[in-house]
Amino acid sequence: MSDAQPGSSNEKKGKNLGLILQIGFAVVNLAVLGGGAALVFMSTIGWNAPKITEETIRREIASLKPQTEEASTPFIYTMEKFVVNLGGDPKRTIRLEVNLEMLSKDGFEEIMSSDSRAQARDRIVRMLNDQSFSTLEPIQGKLFLKDHIAKEVNQILKKGIVKDVYFSDFVVQ
């Protein structure tokens, strides 16, 4: 008969399995920790800035330049001067000359047509009638007016788009 106690071989197998699992988890833990440390190193301390040469900058600038002369020519339509009564108290008038920079030649030709030109003038006059001196006095008021004029004229146009609005004359009395 053997002196082996029942369950002792099972205990040895259980201890061996537990030891193997502990070693396996330690290896996996070290691998994940090492991968994370490598990732942090490469994205911070180990990161090298790309080398920028004069030649690469020249190529980038050349790719940004318009290819045709027509694309680089701005299409600016200068409207006749406006003299309009402003809203609010005290009553004031504004003398304004508006220049519309169009995105394309088609838009420029469209705004030159008498129908679009008359509609644009009418909308701008009505918009100015609703403004008061206190809203137009600060620079933010003038910038808001430019955006509002571009929006109103763009609603009229079918093919063209107003890129920007410039004021050549802006006098409030």
N, C-alpha and C. Protein backbone atom coordinates (compact mmCIF):
# COMPACT_ATOMS: atom_id res chain seq x y z
N MET A 1 0.82 -1.16 0.00
CA MET A 1 0.00 0.00 0.00
C MET A 1 0.87 1.23 0.00
N SER A 2 0.35 2.21 -0.54
CA SER A 2 1.14 3.42 -0.60
C SER A 2 0.75 4.35 0.52
N ASP A 3 1.73 5.14 0.98
CA ASP A 3 1.47 6.08 2.06
C ASP A 3 0.86 7.36 1.55
N ALA A 4 0.71 7.49 0.29
CA ALA A 4 0.21 8.75 -0.29
C ALA A 4 -1.15 9.03 0.25
N GLN A 5 -1.28 10.22 0.63
CA GLN A 5 -2.57 10.63 1.16
C GLN A 5 -3.46 11.04 -0.01
N PRO A 6 -4.71 10.78 0.13
CA PRO A 6 -5.59 11.14 -0.96
C PRO A 6 -5.64 12.67 -1.13
N GLY A 7 -5.57 13.13 -2.39
CA GLY A 7 -5.69 14.56 -2.70
C GLY A 7 -4.36 15.27 -2.75
N SER A 8 -3.25 14.66 -2.36
CA SER A 8 -1.97 15.34 -2.38
C SER A 8 -1.49 15.59 -3.80
N SER A 9 -1.72 14.69 -4.73
CA SER A 9 -1.33 14.92 -6.11
C SER A 9 -2.19 16.02 -6.72
N ASN A 10 -3.41 16.09 -6.30
CA ASN A 10 -4.29 17.16 -6.79
C ASN A 10 -3.85 18.51 -6.25
N GLU A 11 -3.35 18.51 -5.01
CA GLU A 11 -2.87 19.76 -4.43
C GLU A 11 -1.62 20.25 -5.16
N LYS A 12 -0.73 19.32 -5.52
CA LYS A 12 0.48 19.69 -6.25
C LYS A 12 0.11 20.24 -7.63
N LYS A 13 -0.86 19.60 -8.29
CA LYS A 13 -1.29 20.06 -9.60
C LYS A 13 -1.92 21.45 -9.48
N GLY A 14 -2.69 21.68 -8.42
CA GLY A 14 -3.33 22.97 -8.19
C GLY A 14 -2.29 24.06 -7.91
N LYS A 15 -1.24 23.71 -7.13
CA LYS A 15 -0.19 24.67 -6.83
C LYS A 15 0.61 25.00 -8.09
N ASN A 16 0.89 23.98 -8.88
CA ASN A 16 1.62 24.21 -10.14
C ASN A 16 0.80 25.07 -11.10
N LEU A 17 -0.49 24.82 -11.19
CA LEU A 17 -1.36 25.60 -12.07
C LEU A 17 -1.44 27.05 -11.58
N GLY A 18 -1.52 27.24 -10.29
CA GLY A 18 -1.56 28.59 -9.71
C GLY A 18 -0.26 29.33 -9.98
N LEU A 19 0.87 28.63 -9.86
CA LEU A 19 2.17 29.24 -10.13
C LEU A 19 2.30 29.62 -11.61
N ILE A 20 1.85 28.75 -12.48
CA ILE A 20 1.91 29.03 -13.93
C ILE A 20 1.03 30.23 -14.27
N LEU A 21 -0.16 30.30 -13.69
CA LEU A 21 -1.06 31.44 -13.95
C LEU A 21 -0.47 32.74 -13.43
N GLN A 22 0.18 32.69 -12.26
CA GLN A 22 0.81 33.89 -11.73
C GLN A 22 1.93 34.37 -12.64
N ILE A 23 2.73 33.47 -13.11
CA ILE A 23 3.83 33.84 -14.00
C ILE A 23 3.26 34.39 -15.32
N GLY A 24 2.24 33.75 -15.84
CA GLY A 24 1.60 34.20 -17.09
C GLY A 24 1.04 35.62 -16.94
N PHE A 25 0.32 35.87 -15.86
CA PHE A 25 -0.24 37.21 -15.63
C PHE A 25 0.87 38.25 -15.46
N ALA A 26 1.97 37.88 -14.80
CA ALA A 26 3.08 38.80 -14.63
C ALA A 26 3.71 39.14 -15.97
N VAL A 27 3.86 38.15 -16.84
CA VAL A 27 4.44 38.39 -18.17
C VAL A 27 3.53 39.30 -18.99
N VAL A 28 2.23 39.01 -18.98
CA VAL A 28 1.27 39.84 -19.73
C VAL A 28 1.26 41.26 -19.17
N ASN A 29 1.29 41.38 -17.85
CA ASN A 29 1.29 42.70 -17.21
C ASN A 29 2.54 43.48 -17.61
N LEU A 30 3.71 42.85 -17.60
CA LEU A 30 4.95 43.53 -17.99
C LEU A 30 4.92 43.91 -19.48
N ALA A 31 4.35 43.07 -20.32
CA ALA A 31 4.26 43.37 -21.76
C ALA A 31 3.37 44.59 -21.99
N VAL A 32 2.22 44.64 -21.34
CA VAL A 32 1.32 45.79 -21.49
C VAL A 32 1.97 47.05 -20.94
N LEU A 33 2.61 46.95 -19.79
CA LEU A 33 3.29 48.09 -19.19
C LEU A 33 4.42 48.58 -20.09
N GLY A 34 5.20 47.68 -20.63
CA GLY A 34 6.29 48.05 -21.53
C GLY A 34 5.77 48.69 -22.81
N GLY A 35 4.68 48.16 -23.39
CA GLY A 35 4.08 48.75 -24.59
C GLY A 35 3.55 50.15 -24.33
N GLY A 36 2.92 50.34 -23.19
CA GLY A 36 2.41 51.66 -22.83
C GLY A 36 3.54 52.66 -22.63
N ALA A 37 4.61 52.21 -21.98
CA ALA A 37 5.76 53.10 -21.76
C ALA A 37 6.40 53.47 -23.10
N ALA A 38 6.50 52.50 -24.02
CA ALA A 38 7.08 52.79 -25.33
C ALA A 38 6.20 53.78 -26.09
N LEU A 39 4.90 53.63 -26.02
CA LEU A 39 3.98 54.54 -26.70
C LEU A 39 4.09 55.95 -26.14
N VAL A 40 4.17 56.09 -24.82
CA VAL A 40 4.33 57.40 -24.21
C VAL A 40 5.66 58.02 -24.60
N PHE A 41 6.72 57.23 -24.61
CA PHE A 41 8.04 57.74 -24.99
C PHE A 41 8.04 58.24 -26.43
N MET A 42 7.48 57.46 -27.35
CA MET A 42 7.49 57.85 -28.76
C MET A 42 6.64 59.09 -29.02
N SER A 43 5.57 59.29 -28.25
CA SER A 43 4.71 60.45 -28.50
C SER A 43 5.14 61.70 -27.75
N THR A 44 6.08 61.59 -26.82
CA THR A 44 6.52 62.78 -26.08
C THR A 44 8.02 63.01 -26.26
N ILE A 45 8.83 62.35 -25.48
CA ILE A 45 10.27 62.59 -25.48
C ILE A 45 10.90 62.13 -26.79
N GLY A 46 10.48 61.01 -27.32
CA GLY A 46 11.09 60.46 -28.51
C GLY A 46 10.59 61.06 -29.81
N TRP A 47 9.68 62.04 -29.73
CA TRP A 47 9.11 62.63 -30.95
C TRP A 47 10.10 63.59 -31.57
N ASN A 48 10.30 63.47 -32.84
CA ASN A 48 11.19 64.37 -33.59
C ASN A 48 10.34 65.21 -34.53
N ALA A 49 10.58 66.50 -34.52
CA ALA A 49 9.86 67.41 -35.41
C ALA A 49 10.24 67.10 -36.84
N PRO A 50 9.27 67.21 -37.78
CA PRO A 50 9.61 66.97 -39.18
C PRO A 50 10.60 68.03 -39.66
N LYS A 51 11.48 67.62 -40.51
CA LYS A 51 12.48 68.55 -41.03
C LYS A 51 11.85 69.36 -42.17
N ILE A 52 11.86 70.67 -42.01
CA ILE A 52 11.30 71.56 -43.01
C ILE A 52 12.47 72.19 -43.76
N THR A 53 12.45 72.01 -45.04
CA THR A 53 13.49 72.61 -45.87
C THR A 53 12.87 73.72 -46.71
N GLU A 54 13.74 74.53 -47.24
CA GLU A 54 13.28 75.63 -48.07
C GLU A 54 12.58 75.10 -49.32
N GLU A 55 13.04 73.99 -49.83
CA GLU A 55 12.45 73.40 -51.03
C GLU A 55 11.01 72.93 -50.78
N THR A 56 10.76 72.30 -49.61
CA THR A 56 9.40 71.85 -49.32
C THR A 56 8.46 73.04 -49.13
N ILE A 57 8.95 74.10 -48.55
CA ILE A 57 8.12 75.30 -48.37
C ILE A 57 7.80 75.90 -49.73
N ARG A 58 8.77 75.96 -50.63
CA ARG A 58 8.51 76.50 -51.98
C ARG A 58 7.46 75.68 -52.71
N ARG A 59 7.55 74.36 -52.58
CA ARG A 59 6.55 73.50 -53.25
C ARG A 59 5.15 73.73 -52.69
N GLU A 60 5.04 73.87 -51.37
CA GLU A 60 3.74 74.11 -50.75
C GLU A 60 3.16 75.45 -51.18
N ILE A 61 3.98 76.48 -51.22
CA ILE A 61 3.52 77.81 -51.64
C ILE A 61 3.10 77.77 -53.10
N ALA A 62 3.85 77.08 -53.94
CA ALA A 62 3.50 76.98 -55.36
C ALA A 62 2.18 76.26 -55.55
N SER A 63 1.90 75.27 -54.72
CA SER A 63 0.63 74.54 -54.86
C SER A 63 -0.55 75.38 -54.40
N LEU A 64 -0.32 76.37 -53.53
CA LEU A 64 -1.40 77.22 -53.05
C LEU A 64 -1.73 78.36 -53.99
N LYS A 65 -0.81 78.75 -54.86
CA LYS A 65 -1.04 79.88 -55.75
C LYS A 65 -2.08 79.50 -56.81
N PRO A 66 -2.93 80.45 -57.20
CA PRO A 66 -3.90 80.15 -58.24
C PRO A 66 -3.18 79.83 -59.55
N GLN A 67 -3.75 78.89 -60.28
CA GLN A 67 -3.11 78.44 -61.51
C GLN A 67 -3.35 79.39 -62.67
N THR A 68 -4.48 80.11 -62.65
CA THR A 68 -4.78 81.01 -63.77
C THR A 68 -4.82 82.43 -63.27
N GLU A 69 -4.63 83.35 -64.18
CA GLU A 69 -4.68 84.76 -63.81
C GLU A 69 -6.10 85.17 -63.45
N GLU A 70 -7.10 84.56 -64.11
CA GLU A 70 -8.50 84.90 -63.83
C GLU A 70 -8.87 84.55 -62.40
N ALA A 71 -8.34 83.43 -61.89
CA ALA A 71 -8.65 83.01 -60.53
C ALA A 71 -8.06 83.97 -59.50
N SER A 72 -6.96 84.64 -59.85
CA SER A 72 -6.34 85.54 -58.89
C SER A 72 -6.90 86.97 -58.98
N THR A 73 -7.66 87.28 -60.03
CA THR A 73 -8.21 88.61 -60.20
C THR A 73 -9.49 88.74 -59.39
N PRO A 74 -9.57 89.67 -58.46
CA PRO A 74 -10.82 89.83 -57.71
C PRO A 74 -11.87 90.53 -58.57
N PHE A 75 -13.10 90.12 -58.42
CA PHE A 75 -14.22 90.74 -59.13
C PHE A 75 -14.95 91.62 -58.12
N ILE A 76 -14.74 92.93 -58.21
CA ILE A 76 -15.32 93.86 -57.24
C ILE A 76 -16.31 94.76 -57.96
N TYR A 77 -17.53 94.76 -57.46
CA TYR A 77 -18.58 95.61 -58.00
C TYR A 77 -18.80 96.75 -57.01
N THR A 78 -18.67 97.99 -57.48
CA THR A 78 -18.87 99.16 -56.64
C THR A 78 -20.28 99.69 -56.88
N MET A 79 -21.06 99.69 -55.83
CA MET A 79 -22.44 100.21 -55.92
C MET A 79 -22.41 101.73 -55.81
N GLU A 80 -23.46 102.35 -56.31
CA GLU A 80 -23.57 103.80 -56.18
C GLU A 80 -23.71 104.14 -54.70
N LYS A 81 -23.37 105.38 -54.34
CA LYS A 81 -23.43 105.79 -52.93
C LYS A 81 -24.87 105.80 -52.44
N PHE A 82 -25.01 105.44 -51.17
CA PHE A 82 -26.30 105.46 -50.49
C PHE A 82 -26.32 106.66 -49.56
N VAL A 83 -27.43 107.36 -49.49
CA VAL A 83 -27.68 108.33 -48.43
C VAL A 83 -29.04 107.92 -47.85
N VAL A 84 -29.01 107.43 -46.62
CA VAL A 84 -30.18 106.79 -46.03
C VAL A 84 -30.39 107.34 -44.62
N ASN A 85 -31.66 107.47 -44.23
CA ASN A 85 -32.01 107.84 -42.85
C ASN A 85 -31.89 106.60 -41.97
N LEU A 86 -31.20 106.76 -40.85
CA LEU A 86 -31.10 105.67 -39.90
C LEU A 86 -32.29 105.68 -38.97
N GLY A 87 -32.60 104.54 -38.39
CA GLY A 87 -33.67 104.47 -37.40
C GLY A 87 -33.16 104.93 -36.05
N GLY A 88 -34.07 105.05 -35.09
CA GLY A 88 -33.69 105.43 -33.74
C GLY A 88 -33.66 106.93 -33.53
N ASP A 89 -33.46 107.32 -32.27
CA ASP A 89 -33.38 108.74 -31.92
C ASP A 89 -31.97 109.04 -31.44
N PRO A 90 -31.38 110.12 -31.74
CA PRO A 90 -31.82 111.18 -32.64
C PRO A 90 -31.71 110.72 -34.08
N LYS A 91 -32.46 111.37 -34.95
CA LYS A 91 -32.47 111.02 -36.36
C LYS A 91 -31.12 111.37 -36.98
N ARG A 92 -30.55 110.43 -37.69
CA ARG A 92 -29.27 110.63 -38.35
C ARG A 92 -29.34 110.05 -39.75
N THR A 93 -28.41 110.48 -40.59
CA THR A 93 -28.31 109.93 -41.93
C THR A 93 -26.94 109.29 -42.10
N ILE A 94 -26.89 108.35 -43.02
CA ILE A 94 -25.63 107.67 -43.31
C ILE A 94 -25.36 107.79 -44.81
N ARG A 95 -24.10 108.10 -45.13
CA ARG A 95 -23.66 108.08 -46.52
C ARG A 95 -22.69 106.92 -46.62
N LEU A 96 -22.98 106.03 -47.55
CA LEU A 96 -22.26 104.77 -47.59
C LEU A 96 -21.99 104.37 -49.04
N GLU A 97 -20.77 103.96 -49.32
CA GLU A 97 -20.44 103.38 -50.62
C GLU A 97 -20.00 101.94 -50.36
N VAL A 98 -20.68 101.01 -51.01
CA VAL A 98 -20.47 99.59 -50.78
C VAL A 98 -19.78 98.97 -52.00
N ASN A 99 -18.73 98.20 -51.74
CA ASN A 99 -18.04 97.43 -52.78
C ASN A 99 -18.24 95.96 -52.46
N LEU A 100 -18.72 95.21 -53.44
CA LEU A 100 -18.97 93.79 -53.25
C LEU A 100 -17.89 92.99 -53.99
N GLU A 101 -17.15 92.18 -53.26
CA GLU A 101 -16.18 91.29 -53.91
C GLU A 101 -16.90 89.97 -54.21
N MET A 102 -16.98 89.66 -55.50
CA MET A 102 -17.69 88.47 -55.92
C MET A 102 -16.71 87.31 -56.06
N LEU A 103 -17.20 86.10 -55.85
CA LEU A 103 -16.37 84.92 -55.90
C LEU A 103 -15.98 84.54 -57.33
N SER A 104 -16.87 84.82 -58.29
CA SER A 104 -16.59 84.43 -59.67
C SER A 104 -17.07 85.51 -60.64
N LYS A 105 -16.68 85.34 -61.89
CA LYS A 105 -17.08 86.27 -62.94
C LYS A 105 -18.58 86.17 -63.19
N ASP A 106 -19.15 84.98 -63.06
CA ASP A 106 -20.60 84.80 -63.25
C ASP A 106 -21.38 85.63 -62.22
N GLY A 107 -20.93 85.60 -60.98
CA GLY A 107 -21.59 86.39 -59.94
C GLY A 107 -21.46 87.87 -60.19
N PHE A 108 -20.29 88.30 -60.69
CA PHE A 108 -20.08 89.71 -61.01
C PHE A 108 -21.03 90.15 -62.11
N GLU A 109 -21.19 89.35 -63.14
CA GLU A 109 -22.10 89.68 -64.23
C GLU A 109 -23.55 89.67 -63.76
N GLU A 110 -23.87 88.77 -62.84
CA GLU A 110 -25.24 88.71 -62.32
C GLU A 110 -25.57 89.95 -61.51
N ILE A 111 -24.66 90.43 -60.68
CA ILE A 111 -24.93 91.61 -59.87
C ILE A 111 -24.97 92.86 -60.74
N MET A 112 -24.32 92.82 -61.89
CA MET A 112 -24.33 93.96 -62.82
C MET A 112 -25.70 94.11 -63.51
N SER A 113 -26.49 93.03 -63.56
CA SER A 113 -27.79 93.13 -64.21
C SER A 113 -28.68 94.07 -63.41
N SER A 114 -29.56 94.77 -64.11
CA SER A 114 -30.36 95.81 -63.47
C SER A 114 -31.30 95.25 -62.41
N ASP A 115 -31.87 94.06 -62.61
CA ASP A 115 -32.79 93.48 -61.62
C ASP A 115 -32.09 93.19 -60.30
N SER A 116 -30.96 92.49 -60.37
CA SER A 116 -30.23 92.14 -59.15
C SER A 116 -29.70 93.38 -58.46
N ARG A 117 -29.21 94.34 -59.24
CA ARG A 117 -28.66 95.57 -58.67
C ARG A 117 -29.74 96.33 -57.91
N ALA A 118 -30.94 96.45 -58.50
CA ALA A 118 -32.04 97.18 -57.86
C ALA A 118 -32.51 96.46 -56.59
N GLN A 119 -32.61 95.14 -56.66
CA GLN A 119 -33.03 94.38 -55.47
C GLN A 119 -32.00 94.50 -54.35
N ALA A 120 -30.73 94.45 -54.71
CA ALA A 120 -29.67 94.57 -53.70
C ALA A 120 -29.71 95.94 -53.04
N ARG A 121 -29.85 96.99 -53.84
CA ARG A 121 -29.92 98.35 -53.27
C ARG A 121 -31.12 98.47 -52.34
N ASP A 122 -32.27 97.94 -52.76
CA ASP A 122 -33.48 98.02 -51.94
C ASP A 122 -33.30 97.31 -50.61
N ARG A 123 -32.73 96.13 -50.64
CA ARG A 123 -32.53 95.39 -49.38
C ARG A 123 -31.55 96.12 -48.46
N ILE A 124 -30.51 96.69 -49.04
CA ILE A 124 -29.52 97.40 -48.21
C ILE A 124 -30.15 98.66 -47.61
N VAL A 125 -30.96 99.39 -48.39
CA VAL A 125 -31.62 100.59 -47.87
C VAL A 125 -32.57 100.23 -46.73
N ARG A 126 -33.37 99.18 -46.93
CA ARG A 126 -34.30 98.76 -45.86
C ARG A 126 -33.55 98.31 -44.61
N MET A 127 -32.43 97.63 -44.81
CA MET A 127 -31.65 97.18 -43.67
C MET A 127 -31.05 98.37 -42.92
N LEU A 128 -30.56 99.37 -43.65
CA LEU A 128 -30.00 100.56 -43.01
C LEU A 128 -31.06 101.37 -42.28
N ASN A 129 -32.28 101.38 -42.80
CA ASN A 129 -33.37 102.09 -42.12
C ASN A 129 -33.67 101.49 -40.76
N ASP A 130 -33.41 100.20 -40.60
CA ASP A 130 -33.66 99.53 -39.32
C ASP A 130 -32.52 99.70 -38.33
N GLN A 131 -31.37 100.17 -38.78
CA GLN A 131 -30.20 100.32 -37.91
C GLN A 131 -30.25 101.67 -37.19
N SER A 132 -29.59 101.73 -36.04
CA SER A 132 -29.46 103.01 -35.33
C SER A 132 -27.98 103.36 -35.24
N PHE A 133 -27.71 104.62 -34.92
CA PHE A 133 -26.33 105.09 -34.82
C PHE A 133 -25.57 104.32 -33.74
N SER A 134 -26.23 104.03 -32.64
CA SER A 134 -25.56 103.35 -31.53
C SER A 134 -25.13 101.93 -31.90
N THR A 135 -25.85 101.28 -32.82
CA THR A 135 -25.43 99.93 -33.23
C THR A 135 -24.32 99.98 -34.27
N LEU A 136 -24.26 101.04 -35.08
CA LEU A 136 -23.25 101.13 -36.14
C LEU A 136 -21.96 101.81 -35.69
N GLU A 137 -21.99 102.51 -34.56
CA GLU A 137 -20.82 103.28 -34.12
C GLU A 137 -19.61 102.41 -33.80
N PRO A 138 -19.73 101.32 -33.02
CA PRO A 138 -18.52 100.52 -32.73
C PRO A 138 -18.10 99.69 -33.95
N ILE A 139 -16.88 99.23 -33.93
CA ILE A 139 -16.36 98.44 -35.04
C ILE A 139 -17.15 97.14 -35.21
N GLN A 140 -17.65 96.57 -34.10
CA GLN A 140 -18.44 95.35 -34.19
C GLN A 140 -19.72 95.60 -34.98
N GLY A 141 -20.29 96.79 -34.84
CA GLY A 141 -21.49 97.13 -35.59
C GLY A 141 -21.21 97.21 -37.08
N LYS A 142 -20.07 97.76 -37.44
CA LYS A 142 -19.70 97.83 -38.87
C LYS A 142 -19.43 96.44 -39.44
N LEU A 143 -18.77 95.59 -38.66
CA LEU A 143 -18.51 94.23 -39.12
C LEU A 143 -19.82 93.44 -39.25
N PHE A 144 -20.73 93.65 -38.30
CA PHE A 144 -22.04 93.01 -38.38
C PHE A 144 -22.78 93.49 -39.63
N LEU A 145 -22.69 94.78 -39.93
CA LEU A 145 -23.35 95.33 -41.11
C LEU A 145 -22.77 94.71 -42.38
N LYS A 146 -21.46 94.55 -42.45
CA LYS A 146 -20.84 93.92 -43.62
C LYS A 146 -21.37 92.50 -43.81
N ASP A 147 -21.41 91.74 -42.73
CA ASP A 147 -21.91 90.36 -42.82
C ASP A 147 -23.38 90.32 -43.25
N HIS A 148 -24.16 91.26 -42.69
CA HIS A 148 -25.59 91.30 -43.00
C HIS A 148 -25.81 91.68 -44.47
N ILE A 149 -25.02 92.60 -44.99
CA ILE A 149 -25.14 93.00 -46.40
C ILE A 149 -24.79 91.80 -47.29
N ALA A 150 -23.71 91.10 -46.98
CA ALA A 150 -23.32 89.94 -47.78
C ALA A 150 -24.41 88.88 -47.76
N LYS A 151 -25.00 88.66 -46.60
CA LYS A 151 -26.07 87.66 -46.48
C LYS A 151 -27.29 88.06 -47.31
N GLU A 152 -27.70 89.33 -47.22
CA GLU A 152 -28.86 89.80 -47.96
C GLU A 152 -28.65 89.72 -49.48
N VAL A 153 -27.48 90.12 -49.94
CA VAL A 153 -27.21 90.10 -51.38
C VAL A 153 -27.08 88.65 -51.87
N ASN A 154 -26.51 87.78 -51.08
CA ASN A 154 -26.40 86.37 -51.47
C ASN A 154 -27.77 85.72 -51.60
N GLN A 155 -28.76 86.19 -50.84
CA GLN A 155 -30.11 85.64 -50.95
C GLN A 155 -30.75 86.01 -52.29
N ILE A 156 -30.33 87.13 -52.86
CA ILE A 156 -30.88 87.59 -54.14
C ILE A 156 -30.26 86.81 -55.30
N LEU A 157 -28.96 86.61 -55.23
CA LEU A 157 -28.21 86.03 -56.35
C LEU A 157 -28.50 84.54 -56.50
N LYS A 158 -28.55 84.11 -57.76
CA LYS A 158 -28.78 82.70 -58.05
C LYS A 158 -27.48 81.97 -58.34
N LYS A 159 -26.59 82.58 -59.11
CA LYS A 159 -25.32 81.94 -59.48
C LYS A 159 -24.15 82.48 -58.67
N GLY A 160 -24.18 83.74 -58.35
CA GLY A 160 -23.03 84.38 -57.72
C GLY A 160 -23.04 84.29 -56.22
N ILE A 161 -21.85 84.54 -55.65
CA ILE A 161 -21.69 84.56 -54.20
C ILE A 161 -20.83 85.76 -53.84
N VAL A 162 -21.30 86.53 -52.86
CA VAL A 162 -20.51 87.66 -52.35
C VAL A 162 -19.47 87.09 -51.40
N LYS A 163 -18.21 87.32 -51.73
CA LYS A 163 -17.11 86.83 -50.89
C LYS A 163 -16.85 87.76 -49.72
N ASP A 164 -16.86 89.08 -50.00
CA ASP A 164 -16.60 90.06 -48.94
C ASP A 164 -17.25 91.38 -49.31
N VAL A 165 -17.43 92.22 -48.32
CA VAL A 165 -18.02 93.55 -48.51
C VAL A 165 -17.02 94.56 -47.98
N TYR A 166 -16.81 95.62 -48.76
CA TYR A 166 -15.89 96.69 -48.35
C TYR A 166 -16.64 98.01 -48.36
N PHE A 167 -16.30 98.88 -47.43
CA PHE A 167 -16.86 100.22 -47.39
C PHE A 167 -15.79 101.20 -47.87
N SER A 168 -16.08 101.97 -48.95
CA SER A 168 -15.14 103.00 -49.40
C SER A 168 -15.47 104.32 -48.75
N ASP A 169 -16.74 104.49 -48.40
CA ASP A 169 -17.19 105.74 -47.79
C ASP A 169 -18.20 105.36 -46.71
N PHE A 170 -17.98 105.83 -45.49
CA PHE A 170 -18.88 105.51 -44.39
C PHE A 170 -18.94 106.72 -43.49
N VAL A 171 -20.00 107.55 -43.68
CA VAL A 171 -20.14 108.77 -42.90
C VAL A 171 -21.54 108.79 -42.28
N VAL A 172 -21.60 109.00 -40.98
CA VAL A 172 -22.88 109.13 -40.29
C VAL A 172 -22.98 110.55 -39.77
N GLN A 173 -24.10 111.23 -40.08
CA GLN A 173 -24.29 112.62 -39.62
C GLN A 173 -25.58 112.72 -38.83
